[in-house]
Amino acid sequence: EWHLFYQHNPYHVQWDNMHWGHAVSQDLVHWEELPVALYPDALGPCFSGSAVVDEGNTAGFQRGAEKAMVCIFTSAGDPCVQSIAASTDRGRTWANYEGNPVLGQIVGGNRDPKVIWYAPQRKWVMALFLDKHEFGLFASPNLKEWERLSTVTIEGSSECPEFFEIPVEGKPGETRWIFYGGNGLYLVGRFDGKTFTPESGPHPMHHGNCFYASQTFNGAPDGRRVLIPWGTVT
């Protein structure tokens, strides 16, 4: 089952009062909209982020056999901080973690956490927009406690980072890491668990004007890397 989360204003077509909408699909073509997953709270409205299945129950949210799902998102109050929420029923209901925020303000309007599982060191890694053209990498053993690893700079890009490993075509067993920002300018490089070292880029992912804040699905079947953006409407 594919899960799609998105910034959502349930009360108007204009951007405001940001919640997280939620939909599921069996084939990425036909979608069923579910109830709102995340609501604003005392820490602020819910800006962008990402979601994971906590296979190893590192955060301790699991109840019974069903693996817990965890959303990692920006609580966009004053200051902007990073929070988590968990579901133990395949994403049908959600509860904010009582210990939020899990990462305090680093700088400015830091936001849009993208979290992945880094298997070689058995830890979670977060890419987070910091300010201007800078992004930060952070690590956690349990999604609740984070330490800063390093900084990534992408000239000409900001917001909504994505970070993932992908096979090199035609070279079995060889991989590279991709890091990009909201407008799709991406770097190609290597990651040692602490530092991302660019080898080329930034490269344009696309040449259109209606493609923004794309993200790839965590844990897609068969090792697929499926990317989905939102289309801007003016």
C-alpha atoms as a PDB file:
ATOM      1  CA  GLU A   1       0.000   0.000   0.000  1.00  0.00           C
ATOM      2  CA  TRP A   2       1.366   3.408  -1.025  1.00  0.00           C
ATOM      3  CA  HIS A   3       0.844   6.345   1.343  1.00  0.00           C
ATOM      4  CA  LEU A   4       0.810   9.936   0.094  1.00  0.00           C
ATOM      5  CA  PHE A   5       0.876  12.846   2.539  1.00  0.00           C
ATOM      6  CA  TYR A   6       0.556  16.467   1.503  1.00  0.00           C
ATOM      7  CA  GLN A   7       0.158  19.949   2.946  1.00  0.00           C
ATOM      8  CA  HIS A   8      -3.552  20.653   3.075  1.00  0.00           C
ATOM      9  CA  ASN A   9      -5.917  23.461   4.080  1.00  0.00           C
ATOM     10  CA  PRO A  10      -9.277  21.769   4.816  1.00  0.00           C
ATOM     11  CA  TYR A  11     -11.081  25.096   5.027  1.00  0.00           C
ATOM     12  CA  HIS A  12     -10.145  26.903   1.809  1.00  0.00           C
ATOM     13  CA  VAL A  13      -8.468  26.550  -1.574  1.00  0.00           C
ATOM     14  CA  GLN A  14      -5.813  29.101  -0.560  1.00  0.00           C
ATOM     15  CA  TRP A  15      -2.638  28.236   1.360  1.00  0.00           C
ATOM     16  CA  ASP A  16      -3.230  28.605   5.134  1.00  0.00           C
ATOM     17  CA  ASN A  17      -4.041  26.570   8.277  1.00  0.00           C
ATOM     18  CA  MET A  18      -1.736  23.827   7.120  1.00  0.00           C
ATOM     19  CA  HIS A  19      -2.697  20.247   8.016  1.00  0.00           C
ATOM     20  CA  TRP A  20      -1.498  17.006   6.418  1.00  0.00           C
ATOM     21  CA  GLY A  21      -3.861  15.382   3.971  1.00  0.00           C
ATOM     22  CA  HIS A  22      -3.502  11.645   3.407  1.00  0.00           C
ATOM     23  CA  ALA A  23      -4.351   9.196   0.626  1.00  0.00           C
ATOM     24  CA  VAL A  24      -3.523   5.554  -0.123  1.00  0.00           C
ATOM     25  CA  SER A  25      -3.209   3.551  -3.325  1.00  0.00           C
ATOM     26  CA  GLN A  26      -2.468   0.047  -4.546  1.00  0.00           C
ATOM     27  CA  ASP A  27      -1.095   1.145  -7.927  1.00  0.00           C
ATOM     28  CA  LEU A  28      -0.103   4.851  -7.764  1.00  0.00           C
ATOM     29  CA  VAL A  29      -2.930   5.638 -10.215  1.00  0.00           C
ATOM     30  CA  HIS A  30      -6.126   5.127  -8.229  1.00  0.00           C
ATOM     31  CA  TRP A  31      -6.171   6.868  -4.844  1.00  0.00           C
ATOM     32  CA  GLU A  32      -8.481   6.746  -1.836  1.00  0.00           C
ATOM     33  CA  GLU A  33      -8.498   9.885   0.283  1.00  0.00           C
ATOM     34  CA  LEU A  34      -8.355   9.205   4.016  1.00  0.00           C
ATOM     35  CA  PRO A  35      -9.175  11.561   6.899  1.00  0.00           C
ATOM     36  CA  VAL A  36      -6.715  14.350   7.708  1.00  0.00           C
ATOM     37  CA  ALA A  37      -3.603  12.817   9.296  1.00  0.00           C
ATOM     38  CA  LEU A  38      -2.040  15.783  11.115  1.00  0.00           C
ATOM     39  CA  TYR A  39      -3.615  18.873  12.660  1.00  0.00           C
ATOM     40  CA  PRO A  40      -2.018  22.109  13.908  1.00  0.00           C
ATOM     41  CA  ASP A  41      -1.371  22.186  17.647  1.00  0.00           C
ATOM     42  CA  ALA A  42       0.268  24.471  20.202  1.00  0.00           C
ATOM     43  CA  LEU A  43       3.583  24.238  18.310  1.00  0.00           C
ATOM     44  CA  GLY A  44       2.052  25.601  15.108  1.00  0.00           C
ATOM     45  CA  PRO A  45       0.642  24.482  11.749  1.00  0.00           C
ATOM     46  CA  CYS A  46       2.010  21.394   9.991  1.00  0.00           C
ATOM     47  CA  PHE A  47       4.480  22.175   7.223  1.00  0.00           C
ATOM     48  CA  SER A  48       6.117  19.614   4.926  1.00  0.00           C
ATOM     49  CA  GLY A  49       8.069  16.546   6.018  1.00  0.00           C
ATOM     50  CA  SER A  50       8.120  12.819   5.368  1.00  0.00           C
ATOM     51  CA  ALA A  51       6.960   9.468   6.722  1.00  0.00           C
ATOM     52  CA  VAL A  52       8.595   6.131   7.496  1.00  0.00           C
ATOM     53  CA  VAL A  53       7.668   2.648   8.631  1.00  0.00           C
ATOM     54  CA  ASP A  54       9.654   1.957  11.803  1.00  0.00           C
ATOM     55  CA  GLU A  55      10.467  -1.676  10.985  1.00  0.00           C
ATOM     56  CA  GLY A  56      12.754  -2.115  13.985  1.00  0.00           C
ATOM     57  CA  ASN A  57      10.459  -0.294  16.435  1.00  0.00           C
ATOM     58  CA  THR A  58      13.314   2.070  17.236  1.00  0.00           C
ATOM     59  CA  ALA A  59      10.910   4.722  18.552  1.00  0.00           C
ATOM     60  CA  GLY A  60       8.939   2.239  20.665  1.00  0.00           C
ATOM     61  CA  PHE A  61       5.529   3.157  19.257  1.00  0.00           C
ATOM     62  CA  GLN A  62       4.608  -0.331  18.003  1.00  0.00           C
ATOM     63  CA  ARG A  63       1.692  -2.115  19.656  1.00  0.00           C
ATOM     64  CA  GLY A  64       1.175  -5.718  18.615  1.00  0.00           C
ATOM     65  CA  ALA A  65       2.328  -7.106  15.276  1.00  0.00           C
ATOM     66  CA  GLU A  66       1.549  -4.058  13.117  1.00  0.00           C
ATOM     67  CA  LYS A  67       4.638  -1.949  12.414  1.00  0.00           C
ATOM     68  CA  ALA A  68       4.301   1.675  13.484  1.00  0.00           C
ATOM     69  CA  MET A  69       4.306   4.434  10.898  1.00  0.00           C
ATOM     70  CA  VAL A  70       5.913   7.731  11.878  1.00  0.00           C
ATOM     71  CA  CYS A  71       5.449  11.145  10.279  1.00  0.00           C
ATOM     72  CA  ILE A  72       8.255  13.666  10.697  1.00  0.00           C
ATOM     73  CA  PHE A  73       7.110  17.242  10.044  1.00  0.00           C
ATOM     74  CA  THR A  74       7.755  20.902  10.715  1.00  0.00           C
ATOM     75  CA  SER A  75       5.704  22.524  13.455  1.00  0.00           C
ATOM     76  CA  ALA A  76       5.736  26.003  11.956  1.00  0.00           C
ATOM     77  CA  GLY A  77       5.096  28.197  14.950  1.00  0.00           C
ATOM     78  CA  ASP A  78       7.574  30.651  16.414  1.00  0.00           C
ATOM     79  CA  PRO A  79      10.134  29.165  16.377  1.00  0.00           C
ATOM     80  CA  CYS A  80       9.960  26.550  13.593  1.00  0.00           C
ATOM     81  CA  VAL A  81      10.780  23.127  15.061  1.00  0.00           C
ATOM     82  CA  GLN A  82      10.573  19.486  13.971  1.00  0.00           C
ATOM     83  CA  SER A  83       7.980  17.085  15.396  1.00  0.00           C
ATOM     84  CA  ILE A  84       6.796  13.487  14.952  1.00  0.00           C
ATOM     85  CA  ALA A  85       3.468  11.654  15.050  1.00  0.00           C
ATOM     86  CA  ALA A  86       2.798   7.913  15.062  1.00  0.00           C
ATOM     87  CA  SER A  87       0.186   5.485  13.798  1.00  0.00           C
ATOM     88  CA  THR A  88      -0.219   1.866  14.852  1.00  0.00           C
ATOM     89  CA  ASP A  89      -3.132   1.052  12.498  1.00  0.00           C
ATOM     90  CA  ARG A  90      -1.585   1.438   9.020  1.00  0.00           C
ATOM     91  CA  GLY A  91      -1.965   5.195   9.016  1.00  0.00           C
ATOM     92  CA  ARG A  92      -5.683   5.355   9.698  1.00  0.00           C
ATOM     93  CA  THR A  93      -5.300   7.313  12.945  1.00  0.00           C
ATOM     94  CA  TRP A  94      -2.424   9.418  14.234  1.00  0.00           C
ATOM     95  CA  ALA A  95      -1.171  10.720  17.577  1.00  0.00           C
ATOM     96  CA  ASN A  96       1.432  13.440  18.055  1.00  0.00           C
ATOM     97  CA  TYR A  97       4.406  12.459  20.210  1.00  0.00           C
ATOM     98  CA  GLU A  98       4.069  13.988  23.663  1.00  0.00           C
ATOM     99  CA  GLY A  99       7.782  14.856  23.683  1.00  0.00           C
ATOM    100  CA  ASN A 100       7.602  17.151  20.636  1.00  0.00           C
ATOM    101  CA  PRO A 101       9.558  18.909  19.337  1.00  0.00           C
ATOM    102  CA  VAL A 102      12.219  16.285  18.645  1.00  0.00           C
ATOM    103  CA  LEU A 103      14.557  18.848  17.043  1.00  0.00           C
ATOM    104  CA  GLY A 104      14.604  22.485  18.082  1.00  0.00           C
ATOM    105  CA  GLN A 105      15.186  25.463  15.840  1.00  0.00           C
ATOM    106  CA  ILE A 106      18.619  25.466  14.182  1.00  0.00           C
ATOM    107  CA  VAL A 107      18.311  28.680  12.199  1.00  0.00           C
ATOM    108  CA  GLY A 108      15.561  30.826  10.664  1.00  0.00           C
ATOM    109  CA  GLY A 109      12.594  28.939   9.284  1.00  0.00           C
ATOM    110  CA  ASN A 110      14.329  25.548   9.155  1.00  0.00           C
ATOM    111  CA  ARG A 111      11.798  23.103   7.780  1.00  0.00           C
ATOM    112  CA  ASP A 112      10.783  20.174   5.533  1.00  0.00           C
ATOM    113  CA  PRO A 113      12.521  17.157   7.165  1.00  0.00           C
ATOM    114  CA  LYS A 114      13.077  14.186   4.852  1.00  0.00           C
ATOM    115  CA  VAL A 115      13.999  11.084   6.890  1.00  0.00           C
ATOM    116  CA  ILE A 116      15.468   7.789   5.668  1.00  0.00           C
ATOM    117  CA  TRP A 117      16.874   4.673   7.346  1.00  0.00           C
ATOM    118  CA  TYR A 118      20.653   4.344   6.899  1.00  0.00           C
ATOM    119  CA  ALA A 119      21.185   0.608   7.241  1.00  0.00           C
ATOM    120  CA  PRO A 120      25.030   0.485   7.351  1.00  0.00           C
ATOM    121  CA  GLN A 121      25.033   2.346  10.678  1.00  0.00           C
ATOM    122  CA  ARG A 122      21.528   1.406  11.800  1.00  0.00           C
ATOM    123  CA  LYS A 123      20.318   4.958  12.234  1.00  0.00           C
ATOM    124  CA  TRP A 124      17.836   7.418  10.838  1.00  0.00           C
ATOM    125  CA  VAL A 125      19.173  10.283   8.744  1.00  0.00           C
ATOM    126  CA  MET A 126      17.289  13.546   8.250  1.00  0.00           C
ATOM    127  CA  ALA A 127      17.857  16.102   5.497  1.00  0.00           C
ATOM    128  CA  LEU A 128      16.516  19.491   6.618  1.00  0.00           C
ATOM    129  CA  PHE A 129      16.329  22.878   4.932  1.00  0.00           C
ATOM    130  CA  LEU A 130      18.142  25.456   7.051  1.00  0.00           C
ATOM    131  CA  ASP A 131      18.379  28.869   5.363  1.00  0.00           C
ATOM    132  CA  LYS A 132      19.133  30.378   1.952  1.00  0.00           C
ATOM    133  CA  HIS A 133      20.946  27.609   0.006  1.00  0.00           C
ATOM    134  CA  GLU A 134      21.988  25.510   3.002  1.00  0.00           C
ATOM    135  CA  PHE A 135      20.652  22.177   4.213  1.00  0.00           C
ATOM    136  CA  GLY A 136      21.613  20.110   7.238  1.00  0.00           C
ATOM    137  CA  LEU A 137      22.056  16.381   7.785  1.00  0.00           C
ATOM    138  CA  PHE A 138      21.099  14.947  11.183  1.00  0.00           C
ATOM    139  CA  ALA A 139      21.102  11.434  12.686  1.00  0.00           C
ATOM    140  CA  SER A 140      19.017   9.617  15.277  1.00  0.00           C
ATOM    141  CA  PRO A 141      18.804   6.082  16.675  1.00  0.00           C
ATOM    142  CA  ASN A 142      15.099   6.401  17.500  1.00  0.00           C
ATOM    143  CA  LEU A 143      13.475   9.338  15.628  1.00  0.00           C
ATOM    144  CA  LYS A 144      13.243  11.220  18.954  1.00  0.00           C
ATOM    145  CA  GLU A 145      16.797  12.422  19.618  1.00  0.00           C
ATOM    146  CA  TRP A 146      18.809  14.035  16.826  1.00  0.00           C
ATOM    147  CA  GLU A 147      22.412  15.128  16.398  1.00  0.00           C
ATOM    148  CA  ARG A 148      23.769  17.321  13.638  1.00  0.00           C
ATOM    149  CA  LEU A 149      26.135  15.630  11.184  1.00  0.00           C
ATOM    150  CA  SER A 150      27.057  18.082   8.443  1.00  0.00           C
ATOM    151  CA  THR A 151      25.905  20.793   6.045  1.00  0.00           C
ATOM    152  CA  VAL A 152      25.080  20.579   2.324  1.00  0.00           C
ATOM    153  CA  THR A 153      24.974  23.633   0.061  1.00  0.00           C
ATOM    154  CA  ILE A 154      23.065  23.721  -3.234  1.00  0.00           C
ATOM    155  CA  GLU A 155      23.489  27.066  -4.972  1.00  0.00           C
ATOM    156  CA  GLY A 156      20.240  28.126  -6.620  1.00  0.00           C
ATOM    157  CA  SER A 157      17.985  25.855  -4.554  1.00  0.00           C
ATOM    158  CA  SER A 158      16.217  25.931  -1.201  1.00  0.00           C
ATOM    159  CA  GLU A 159      13.435  24.231   0.777  1.00  0.00           C
ATOM    160  CA  CYS A 160      12.045  20.689   0.579  1.00  0.00           C
ATOM    161  CA  PRO A 161      15.213  18.547   0.474  1.00  0.00           C
ATOM    162  CA  GLU A 162      15.364  14.972  -0.751  1.00  0.00           C
ATOM    163  CA  PHE A 163      18.263  12.584  -0.103  1.00  0.00           C
ATOM    164  CA  PHE A 164      18.612   8.985  -1.251  1.00  0.00           C
ATOM    165  CA  GLU A 165      20.953   6.304  -2.585  1.00  0.00           C
ATOM    166  CA  ILE A 166      20.495   4.942  -6.100  1.00  0.00           C
ATOM    167  CA  PRO A 167      22.296   2.303  -8.237  1.00  0.00           C
ATOM    168  CA  VAL A 168      24.638   3.448 -10.992  1.00  0.00           C
ATOM    169  CA  GLU A 169      23.304   2.207 -14.329  1.00  0.00           C
ATOM    170  CA  GLY A 170      25.579  -0.333 -15.981  1.00  0.00           C
ATOM    171  CA  LYS A 171      27.800  -0.757 -12.908  1.00  0.00           C
ATOM    172  CA  PRO A 172      26.442  -3.586 -10.729  1.00  0.00           C
ATOM    173  CA  GLY A 173      26.990  -3.038  -7.029  1.00  0.00           C
ATOM    174  CA  GLU A 174      27.973   0.619  -7.421  1.00  0.00           C
ATOM    175  CA  THR A 175      25.763   3.385  -6.040  1.00  0.00           C
ATOM    176  CA  ARG A 176      25.706   7.150  -5.617  1.00  0.00           C
ATOM    177  CA  TRP A 177      23.690   9.498  -3.418  1.00  0.00           C
ATOM    178  CA  ILE A 178      21.375  12.218  -4.718  1.00  0.00           C
ATOM    179  CA  PHE A 179      20.629  15.421  -2.811  1.00  0.00           C
ATOM    180  CA  TYR A 180      18.247  18.044  -4.147  1.00  0.00           C
ATOM    181  CA  GLY A 181      16.095  20.975  -3.097  1.00  0.00           C
ATOM    182  CA  GLY A 182      12.597  22.164  -3.872  1.00  0.00           C
ATOM    183  CA  ASN A 183      13.213  23.240  -7.467  1.00  0.00           C
ATOM    184  CA  GLY A 184      14.884  19.942  -8.381  1.00  0.00           C
ATOM    185  CA  LEU A 185      18.492  21.105  -8.733  1.00  0.00           C
ATOM    186  CA  TYR A 186      20.415  18.010  -7.646  1.00  0.00           C
ATOM    187  CA  LEU A 187      23.898  16.999  -6.608  1.00  0.00           C
ATOM    188  CA  VAL A 188      25.430  13.557  -7.205  1.00  0.00           C
ATOM    189  CA  GLY A 189      27.921  12.296  -4.655  1.00  0.00           C
ATOM    190  CA  ARG A 190      28.911   9.902  -1.884  1.00  0.00           C
ATOM    191  CA  PHE A 191      27.761   9.588   1.731  1.00  0.00           C
ATOM    192  CA  ASP A 192      29.777   7.998   4.527  1.00  0.00           C
ATOM    193  CA  GLY A 193      27.117   8.170   7.222  1.00  0.00           C
ATOM    194  CA  LYS A 194      28.130  11.668   8.285  1.00  0.00           C
ATOM    195  CA  THR A 195      29.126  13.803   5.321  1.00  0.00           C
ATOM    196  CA  PHE A 196      27.690  14.044   1.815  1.00  0.00           C
ATOM    197  CA  THR A 197      30.515  14.763  -0.639  1.00  0.00           C
ATOM    198  CA  PRO A 198      29.285  16.091  -4.012  1.00  0.00           C
ATOM    199  CA  GLU A 199      30.993  14.816  -7.157  1.00  0.00           C
ATOM    200  CA  SER A 200      28.923  16.703  -9.726  1.00  0.00           C
ATOM    201  CA  GLY A 201      26.119  19.220 -10.033  1.00  0.00           C
ATOM    202  CA  PRO A 202      23.930  20.967  -9.396  1.00  0.00           C
ATOM    203  CA  HIS A 203      22.055  19.507 -12.380  1.00  0.00           C
ATOM    204  CA  PRO A 204      18.491  20.448 -13.410  1.00  0.00           C
ATOM    205  CA  MET A 205      16.052  17.593 -12.869  1.00  0.00           C
ATOM    206  CA  HIS A 206      13.515  19.131 -15.231  1.00  0.00           C
ATOM    207  CA  HIS A 207      13.040  22.146 -17.496  1.00  0.00           C
ATOM    208  CA  GLY A 208       9.416  23.011 -16.803  1.00  0.00           C
ATOM    209  CA  ASN A 209       7.744  25.618 -14.609  1.00  0.00           C
ATOM    210  CA  CYS A 210       5.108  23.622 -12.722  1.00  0.00           C
ATOM    211  CA  PHE A 211       7.152  20.980 -10.887  1.00  0.00           C
ATOM    212  CA  TYR A 212       8.156  21.607  -7.269  1.00  0.00           C
ATOM    213  CA  ALA A 213       8.964  19.987  -3.916  1.00  0.00           C
ATOM    214  CA  SER A 214       9.266  16.474  -5.321  1.00  0.00           C
ATOM    215  CA  GLN A 215       9.945  13.565  -3.001  1.00  0.00           C
ATOM    216  CA  THR A 216      10.557   9.865  -3.476  1.00  0.00           C
ATOM    217  CA  PHE A 217       8.741   7.078  -1.653  1.00  0.00           C
ATOM    218  CA  ASN A 218      10.502   5.394   1.251  1.00  0.00           C
ATOM    219  CA  GLY A 219      10.609   1.595   1.124  1.00  0.00           C
ATOM    220  CA  ALA A 220       9.141   1.146  -2.350  1.00  0.00           C
ATOM    221  CA  PRO A 221       8.823  -2.494  -3.512  1.00  0.00           C
ATOM    222  CA  ASP A 222      11.593  -4.153  -5.526  1.00  0.00           C
ATOM    223  CA  GLY A 223      14.037  -1.337  -4.774  1.00  0.00           C
ATOM    224  CA  ARG A 224      12.159   1.095  -7.006  1.00  0.00           C
ATOM    225  CA  ARG A 225      12.750   4.817  -6.608  1.00  0.00           C
ATOM    226  CA  VAL A 226       9.416   6.466  -7.365  1.00  0.00           C
ATOM    227  CA  LEU A 227       9.305  10.263  -7.394  1.00  0.00           C
ATOM    228  CA  ILE A 228       6.244  12.455  -7.075  1.00  0.00           C
ATOM    229  CA  PRO A 229       6.110  16.293  -7.173  1.00  0.00           C
ATOM    230  CA  TRP A 230       3.343  18.791  -6.770  1.00  0.00           C
ATOM    231  CA  GLY A 231       2.293  20.891  -9.735  1.00  0.00           C
ATOM    232  CA  THR A 232       2.076  24.615  -9.053  1.00  0.00           C
ATOM    233  CA  VAL A 233      -1.038  26.425 -10.228  1.00  0.00           C
ATOM    234  CA  THR A 234      -1.162  30.184 -10.799  1.00  0.00           C
END
